[in-house]
Amino acid sequence: MDWFSIILGILATGFGLYTLNSRRQKDYSSARLNAMKSMFGENAGDKVHFIAYGIIPLVIGVMMFLKAFGISL
């Protein structure tokens, strides 16, 4: 069992869940989201932020958990 991977997996999963949960609020606004919206446009910036700060950390967190417990896909 690899403790570093477990801790990193918990942190990445927590960050992803926090971001996704925060985005559900009607008045959610962050500097990163606003920067992406100004750079890519309203719709594309929202999608990029959703993937980069929500989905990718969740996937990395799950992968780190699987690595920590020696499960390979």
PDB file of N, CA and C in Angstrom:
ATOM      1  N   MET A   1       0.852  -1.175   0.000  1.00  0.00           N
ATOM      2  CA  MET A   1       0.000   0.000   0.000  1.00  0.00           C
ATOM      3  C   MET A   1       0.898   1.238   0.000  1.00  0.00           C
ATOM      4  N   ASP A   2       0.597   2.157  -0.878  1.00  0.00           N
ATOM      5  CA  ASP A   2       1.398   3.362  -1.068  1.00  0.00           C
ATOM      6  C   ASP A   2       0.651   4.558  -0.465  1.00  0.00           C
ATOM      7  N   TRP A   3       1.134   5.052   0.676  1.00  0.00           N
ATOM      8  CA  TRP A   3       0.438   6.124   1.393  1.00  0.00           C
ATOM      9  C   TRP A   3       0.444   7.437   0.627  1.00  0.00           C
ATOM     10  N   PHE A   4       1.518   7.711  -0.099  1.00  0.00           N
ATOM     11  CA  PHE A   4       1.582   8.943  -0.881  1.00  0.00           C
ATOM     12  C   PHE A   4       0.479   8.965  -1.938  1.00  0.00           C
ATOM     13  N   SER A   5       0.272   7.843  -2.610  1.00  0.00           N
ATOM     14  CA  SER A   5      -0.787   7.771  -3.623  1.00  0.00           C
ATOM     15  C   SER A   5      -2.170   7.896  -3.006  1.00  0.00           C
ATOM     16  N   ILE A   6      -2.348   7.340  -1.832  1.00  0.00           N
ATOM     17  CA  ILE A   6      -3.644   7.448  -1.151  1.00  0.00           C
ATOM     18  C   ILE A   6      -3.931   8.901  -0.794  1.00  0.00           C
ATOM     19  N   ILE A   7      -2.954   9.586  -0.213  1.00  0.00           N
ATOM     20  CA  ILE A   7      -3.150  10.982   0.185  1.00  0.00           C
ATOM     21  C   ILE A   7      -3.361  11.859  -1.040  1.00  0.00           C
ATOM     22  N   LEU A   8      -2.566  11.646  -2.076  1.00  0.00           N
ATOM     23  CA  LEU A   8      -2.729  12.418  -3.299  1.00  0.00           C
ATOM     24  C   LEU A   8      -4.082  12.145  -3.951  1.00  0.00           C
ATOM     25  N   GLY A   9      -4.528  10.900  -3.905  1.00  0.00           N
ATOM     26  CA  GLY A   9      -5.835  10.550  -4.437  1.00  0.00           C
ATOM     27  C   GLY A   9      -6.969  11.218  -3.681  1.00  0.00           C
ATOM     28  N   ILE A  10      -6.850  11.273  -2.356  1.00  0.00           N
ATOM     29  CA  ILE A  10      -7.859  11.940  -1.530  1.00  0.00           C
ATOM     30  C   ILE A  10      -7.902  13.430  -1.846  1.00  0.00           C
ATOM     31  N   LEU A  11      -6.733  14.053  -1.944  1.00  0.00           N
ATOM     32  CA  LEU A  11      -6.680  15.485  -2.234  1.00  0.00           C
ATOM     33  C   LEU A  11      -7.236  15.809  -3.625  1.00  0.00           C
ATOM     34  N   ALA A  12      -6.852  15.027  -4.622  1.00  0.00           N
ATOM     35  CA  ALA A  12      -7.337  15.279  -5.985  1.00  0.00           C
ATOM     36  C   ALA A  12      -8.843  15.051  -6.078  1.00  0.00           C
ATOM     37  N   THR A  13      -9.330  13.983  -5.472  1.00  0.00           N
ATOM     38  CA  THR A  13     -10.767  13.709  -5.493  1.00  0.00           C
ATOM     39  C   THR A  13     -11.525  14.788  -4.738  1.00  0.00           C
ATOM     40  N   GLY A  14     -11.015  15.204  -3.601  1.00  0.00           N
ATOM     41  CA  GLY A  14     -11.662  16.268  -2.826  1.00  0.00           C
ATOM     42  C   GLY A  14     -11.705  17.579  -3.583  1.00  0.00           C
ATOM     43  N   PHE A  15     -10.624  17.920  -4.258  1.00  0.00           N
ATOM     44  CA  PHE A  15     -10.593  19.148  -5.052  1.00  0.00           C
ATOM     45  C   PHE A  15     -11.605  19.093  -6.183  1.00  0.00           C
ATOM     46  N   GLY A  16     -11.660  17.964  -6.882  1.00  0.00           N
ATOM     47  CA  GLY A  16     -12.606  17.812  -7.978  1.00  0.00           C
ATOM     48  C   GLY A  16     -14.054  17.884  -7.500  1.00  0.00           C
ATOM     49  N   LEU A  17     -14.352  17.210  -6.403  1.00  0.00           N
ATOM     50  CA  LEU A  17     -15.715  17.242  -5.863  1.00  0.00           C
ATOM     51  C   LEU A  17     -16.085  18.626  -5.360  1.00  0.00           C
ATOM     52  N   TYR A  18     -15.135  19.305  -4.717  1.00  0.00           N
ATOM     53  CA  TYR A  18     -15.389  20.659  -4.240  1.00  0.00           C
ATOM     54  C   TYR A  18     -15.690  21.597  -5.404  1.00  0.00           C
ATOM     55  N   THR A  19     -14.893  21.491  -6.461  1.00  0.00           N
ATOM     56  CA  THR A  19     -15.103  22.352  -7.626  1.00  0.00           C
ATOM     57  C   THR A  19     -16.449  22.074  -8.280  1.00  0.00           C
ATOM     58  N   LEU A  20     -16.775  20.796  -8.473  1.00  0.00           N
ATOM     59  CA  LEU A  20     -18.051  20.460  -9.098  1.00  0.00           C
ATOM     60  C   LEU A  20     -19.234  20.888  -8.227  1.00  0.00           C
ATOM     61  N   ASN A  21     -19.100  20.722  -6.918  1.00  0.00           N
ATOM     62  CA  ASN A  21     -20.175  21.129  -6.012  1.00  0.00           C
ATOM     63  C   ASN A  21     -20.308  22.652  -5.977  1.00  0.00           C
ATOM     64  N   SER A  22     -19.204  23.362  -6.005  1.00  0.00           N
ATOM     65  CA  SER A  22     -19.245  24.826  -5.994  1.00  0.00           C
ATOM     66  C   SER A  22     -19.876  25.376  -7.265  1.00  0.00           C
ATOM     67  N   ARG A  23     -19.624  24.711  -8.380  1.00  0.00           N
ATOM     68  CA  ARG A  23     -20.177  25.173  -9.655  1.00  0.00           C
ATOM     69  C   ARG A  23     -21.697  25.047  -9.705  1.00  0.00           C
ATOM     70  N   ARG A  24     -22.267  24.220  -8.864  1.00  0.00           N
ATOM     71  CA  ARG A  24     -23.722  24.056  -8.844  1.00  0.00           C
ATOM     72  C   ARG A  24     -24.428  25.277  -8.278  1.00  0.00           C
ATOM     73  N   GLN A  25     -23.714  26.091  -7.514  1.00  0.00           N
ATOM     74  CA  GLN A  25     -24.310  27.296  -6.946  1.00  0.00           C
ATOM     75  C   GLN A  25     -24.550  28.322  -8.045  1.00  0.00           C
ATOM     76  N   LYS A  26     -25.646  29.027  -7.928  1.00  0.00           N
ATOM     77  CA  LYS A  26     -26.042  29.980  -8.964  1.00  0.00           C
ATOM     78  C   LYS A  26     -25.059  31.148  -9.075  1.00  0.00           C
ATOM     79  N   ASP A  27     -24.518  31.602  -7.964  1.00  0.00           N
ATOM     80  CA  ASP A  27     -23.649  32.773  -7.971  1.00  0.00           C
ATOM     81  C   ASP A  27     -22.160  32.403  -7.940  1.00  0.00           C
ATOM     82  N   TYR A  28     -21.810  31.208  -8.435  1.00  0.00           N
ATOM     83  CA  TYR A  28     -20.412  30.777  -8.420  1.00  0.00           C
ATOM     84  C   TYR A  28     -19.588  31.612  -9.390  1.00  0.00           C
ATOM     85  N   SER A  29     -18.465  32.090  -8.897  1.00  0.00           N
ATOM     86  CA  SER A  29     -17.543  32.841  -9.727  1.00  0.00           C
ATOM     87  C   SER A  29     -16.148  32.676  -9.147  1.00  0.00           C
ATOM     88  N   SER A  30     -15.200  32.394 -10.019  1.00  0.00           N
ATOM     89  CA  SER A  30     -13.812  32.312  -9.572  1.00  0.00           C
ATOM     90  C   SER A  30     -12.940  33.025 -10.591  1.00  0.00           C
ATOM     91  N   ALA A  31     -11.774  33.403 -10.164  1.00  0.00           N
ATOM     92  CA  ALA A  31     -10.859  34.112 -11.059  1.00  0.00           C
ATOM     93  C   ALA A  31     -10.463  33.230 -12.236  1.00  0.00           C
ATOM     94  N   ARG A  32     -10.266  31.937 -11.972  1.00  0.00           N
ATOM     95  CA  ARG A  32      -9.881  31.026 -13.051  1.00  0.00           C
ATOM     96  C   ARG A  32     -11.012  30.864 -14.057  1.00  0.00           C
ATOM     97  N   LEU A  33     -12.233  30.732 -13.571  1.00  0.00           N
ATOM     98  CA  LEU A  33     -13.380  30.587 -14.468  1.00  0.00           C
ATOM     99  C   LEU A  33     -13.575  31.847 -15.302  1.00  0.00           C
ATOM    100  N   ASN A  34     -13.469  32.992 -14.669  1.00  0.00           N
ATOM    101  CA  ASN A  34     -13.619  34.252 -15.407  1.00  0.00           C
ATOM    102  C   ASN A  34     -12.519  34.435 -16.448  1.00  0.00           C
ATOM    103  N   ALA A  35     -11.293  34.039 -16.112  1.00  0.00           N
ATOM    104  CA  ALA A  35     -10.192  34.143 -17.075  1.00  0.00           C
ATOM    105  C   ALA A  35     -10.426  33.222 -18.266  1.00  0.00           C
ATOM    106  N   MET A  36     -10.916  32.027 -18.008  1.00  0.00           N
ATOM    107  CA  MET A  36     -11.173  31.093 -19.103  1.00  0.00           C
ATOM    108  C   MET A  36     -12.336  31.554 -19.972  1.00  0.00           C
ATOM    109  N   LYS A  37     -13.339  32.145 -19.345  1.00  0.00           N
ATOM    110  CA  LYS A  37     -14.462  32.659 -20.118  1.00  0.00           C
ATOM    111  C   LYS A  37     -14.028  33.827 -20.998  1.00  0.00           C
ATOM    112  N   SER A  38     -13.147  34.670 -20.495  1.00  0.00           N
ATOM    113  CA  SER A  38     -12.686  35.796 -21.311  1.00  0.00           C
ATOM    114  C   SER A  38     -11.730  35.328 -22.414  1.00  0.00           C
ATOM    115  N   MET A  39     -10.997  34.254 -22.160  1.00  0.00           N
ATOM    116  CA  MET A  39     -10.036  33.751 -23.133  1.00  0.00           C
ATOM    117  C   MET A  39     -10.712  32.910 -24.229  1.00  0.00           C
ATOM    118  N   PHE A  40     -11.632  32.022 -23.840  1.00  0.00           N
ATOM    119  CA  PHE A  40     -12.226  31.076 -24.781  1.00  0.00           C
ATOM    120  C   PHE A  40     -13.659  31.405 -25.177  1.00  0.00           C
ATOM    121  N   GLY A  41     -14.264  32.378 -24.515  1.00  0.00           N
ATOM    122  CA  GLY A  41     -15.676  32.657 -24.741  1.00  0.00           C
ATOM    123  C   GLY A  41     -16.500  32.073 -23.602  1.00  0.00           C
ATOM    124  N   GLU A  42     -17.744  32.490 -23.510  1.00  0.00           N
ATOM    125  CA  GLU A  42     -18.597  32.109 -22.382  1.00  0.00           C
ATOM    126  C   GLU A  42     -18.799  30.592 -22.292  1.00  0.00           C
ATOM    127  N   ASN A  43     -19.243  29.978 -23.371  1.00  0.00           N
ATOM    128  CA  ASN A  43     -19.583  28.556 -23.345  1.00  0.00           C
ATOM    129  C   ASN A  43     -18.346  27.663 -23.308  1.00  0.00           C
ATOM    130  N   ALA A  44     -17.377  27.929 -24.158  1.00  0.00           N
ATOM    131  CA  ALA A  44     -16.169  27.102 -24.214  1.00  0.00           C
ATOM    132  C   ALA A  44     -15.344  27.246 -22.935  1.00  0.00           C
ATOM    133  N   GLY A  45     -15.267  28.449 -22.374  1.00  0.00           N
ATOM    134  CA  GLY A  45     -14.540  28.653 -21.127  1.00  0.00           C
ATOM    135  C   GLY A  45     -15.155  27.889 -19.977  1.00  0.00           C
ATOM    136  N   ASP A  46     -16.484  27.824 -19.971  1.00  0.00           N
ATOM    137  CA  ASP A  46     -17.192  27.063 -18.943  1.00  0.00           C
ATOM    138  C   ASP A  46     -16.875  25.573 -19.075  1.00  0.00           C
ATOM    139  N   LYS A  47     -16.853  25.069 -20.301  1.00  0.00           N
ATOM    140  CA  LYS A  47     -16.551  23.652 -20.530  1.00  0.00           C
ATOM    141  C   LYS A  47     -15.105  23.320 -20.173  1.00  0.00           C
ATOM    142  N   VAL A  48     -14.180  24.193 -20.547  1.00  0.00           N
ATOM    143  CA  VAL A  48     -12.762  23.960 -20.236  1.00  0.00           C
ATOM    144  C   VAL A  48     -12.558  23.938 -18.727  1.00  0.00           C
ATOM    145  N   HIS A  49     -13.167  24.867 -18.007  1.00  0.00           N
ATOM    146  CA  HIS A  49     -13.049  24.904 -16.553  1.00  0.00           C
ATOM    147  C   HIS A  49     -13.654  23.648 -15.928  1.00  0.00           C
ATOM    148  N   PHE A  50     -14.802  23.217 -16.428  1.00  0.00           N
ATOM    149  CA  PHE A  50     -15.473  22.014 -15.920  1.00  0.00           C
ATOM    150  C   PHE A  50     -14.572  20.793 -16.066  1.00  0.00           C
ATOM    151  N   ILE A  51     -13.955  20.654 -17.221  1.00  0.00           N
ATOM    152  CA  ILE A  51     -13.101  19.493 -17.468  1.00  0.00           C
ATOM    153  C   ILE A  51     -11.788  19.602 -16.696  1.00  0.00           C
ATOM    154  N   ALA A  52     -11.140  20.767 -16.763  1.00  0.00           N
ATOM    155  CA  ALA A  52      -9.809  20.922 -16.169  1.00  0.00           C
ATOM    156  C   ALA A  52      -9.820  20.913 -14.644  1.00  0.00           C
ATOM    157  N   TYR A  53     -10.851  21.480 -14.039  1.00  0.00           N
ATOM    158  CA  TYR A  53     -10.867  21.603 -12.572  1.00  0.00           C
ATOM    159  C   TYR A  53     -11.891  20.707 -11.896  1.00  0.00           C
ATOM    160  N   GLY A  54     -12.677  19.964 -12.665  1.00  0.00           N
ATOM    161  CA  GLY A  54     -13.662  19.065 -12.086  1.00  0.00           C
ATOM    162  C   GLY A  54     -13.416  17.616 -12.451  1.00  0.00           C
ATOM    163  N   ILE A  55     -13.439  17.332 -13.745  1.00  0.00           N
ATOM    164  CA  ILE A  55     -13.348  15.951 -14.213  1.00  0.00           C
ATOM    165  C   ILE A  55     -11.932  15.384 -14.085  1.00  0.00           C
ATOM    166  N   ILE A  56     -10.934  16.126 -14.547  1.00  0.00           N
ATOM    167  CA  ILE A  56      -9.553  15.608 -14.521  1.00  0.00           C
ATOM    168  C   ILE A  56      -9.074  15.308 -13.099  1.00  0.00           C
ATOM    169  N   PRO A  57      -9.308  16.186 -12.099  1.00  0.00           N
ATOM    170  CA  PRO A  57      -8.895  15.805 -10.740  1.00  0.00           C
ATOM    171  C   PRO A  57      -9.603  14.556 -10.215  1.00  0.00           C
ATOM    172  N   LEU A  58     -10.872  14.361 -10.579  1.00  0.00           N
ATOM    173  CA  LEU A  58     -11.562  13.147 -10.152  1.00  0.00           C
ATOM    174  C   LEU A  58     -10.943  11.905 -10.778  1.00  0.00           C
ATOM    175  N   VAL A  59     -10.632  11.981 -12.057  1.00  0.00           N
ATOM    176  CA  VAL A  59     -10.017  10.837 -12.740  1.00  0.00           C
ATOM    177  C   VAL A  59      -8.644  10.544 -12.154  1.00  0.00           C
ATOM    178  N   ILE A  60      -7.852  11.585 -11.922  1.00  0.00           N
ATOM    179  CA  ILE A  60      -6.525  11.389 -11.328  1.00  0.00           C
ATOM    180  C   ILE A  60      -6.640  10.803  -9.925  1.00  0.00           C
ATOM    181  N   GLY A  61      -7.602  11.291  -9.142  1.00  0.00           N
ATOM    182  CA  GLY A  61      -7.803  10.762  -7.792  1.00  0.00           C
ATOM    183  C   GLY A  61      -8.147   9.286  -7.794  1.00  0.00           C
ATOM    184  N   VAL A  62      -9.050   8.886  -8.681  1.00  0.00           N
ATOM    185  CA  VAL A  62      -9.427   7.471  -8.768  1.00  0.00           C
ATOM    186  C   VAL A  62      -8.240   6.635  -9.234  1.00  0.00           C
ATOM    187  N   MET A  63      -7.488   7.142 -10.191  1.00  0.00           N
ATOM    188  CA  MET A  63      -6.316   6.414 -10.673  1.00  0.00           C
ATOM    189  C   MET A  63      -5.269   6.252  -9.572  1.00  0.00           C
ATOM    190  N   MET A  64      -5.113   7.285  -8.738  1.00  0.00           N
ATOM    191  CA  MET A  64      -4.151   7.191  -7.634  1.00  0.00           C
ATOM    192  C   MET A  64      -4.608   6.169  -6.592  1.00  0.00           C
ATOM    193  N   PHE A  65      -5.907   6.109  -6.319  1.00  0.00           N
ATOM    194  CA  PHE A  65      -6.428   5.088  -5.397  1.00  0.00           C
ATOM    195  C   PHE A  65      -6.158   3.693  -5.948  1.00  0.00           C
ATOM    196  N   LEU A  66      -6.435   3.496  -7.229  1.00  0.00           N
ATOM    197  CA  LEU A  66      -6.208   2.190  -7.831  1.00  0.00           C
ATOM    198  C   LEU A  66      -4.730   1.820  -7.788  1.00  0.00           C
ATOM    199  N   LYS A  67      -3.851   2.792  -8.042  1.00  0.00           N
ATOM    200  CA  LYS A  67      -2.421   2.538  -7.979  1.00  0.00           C
ATOM    201  C   LYS A  67      -1.985   2.182  -6.552  1.00  0.00           C
ATOM    202  N   ALA A  68      -2.541   2.875  -5.569  1.00  0.00           N
ATOM    203  CA  ALA A  68      -2.164   2.657  -4.180  1.00  0.00           C
ATOM    204  C   ALA A  68      -2.500   1.247  -3.715  1.00  0.00           C
ATOM    205  N   PHE A  69      -3.598   0.706  -4.208  1.00  0.00           N
ATOM    206  CA  PHE A  69      -4.020  -0.617  -3.787  1.00  0.00           C
ATOM    207  C   PHE A  69      -3.638  -1.702  -4.783  1.00  0.00           C
ATOM    208  N   GLY A  70      -2.853  -1.350  -5.800  1.00  0.00           N
ATOM    209  CA  GLY A  70      -2.323  -2.340  -6.731  1.00  0.00           C
ATOM    210  C   GLY A  70      -3.347  -2.892  -7.701  1.00  0.00           C
ATOM    211  N   ILE A  71      -4.374  -2.139  -7.995  1.00  0.00           N
ATOM    212  CA  ILE A  71      -5.398  -2.574  -8.941  1.00  0.00           C
ATOM    213  C   ILE A  71      -5.062  -1.981 -10.304  1.00  0.00           C
ATOM    214  N   SER A  72      -4.959  -2.829 -11.297  1.00  0.00           N
ATOM    215  CA  SER A  72      -4.683  -2.335 -12.642  1.00  0.00           C
ATOM    216  C   SER A  72      -5.886  -2.600 -13.534  1.00  0.00           C
ATOM    217  N   LEU A  73      -6.087  -1.689 -14.468  1.00  0.00           N
ATOM    218  CA  LEU A  73      -7.236  -1.853 -15.366  1.00  0.00           C
ATOM    219  C   LEU A  73      -6.824  -2.481 -16.661  1.00  0.00           C
TER     220      LEU A  73
END
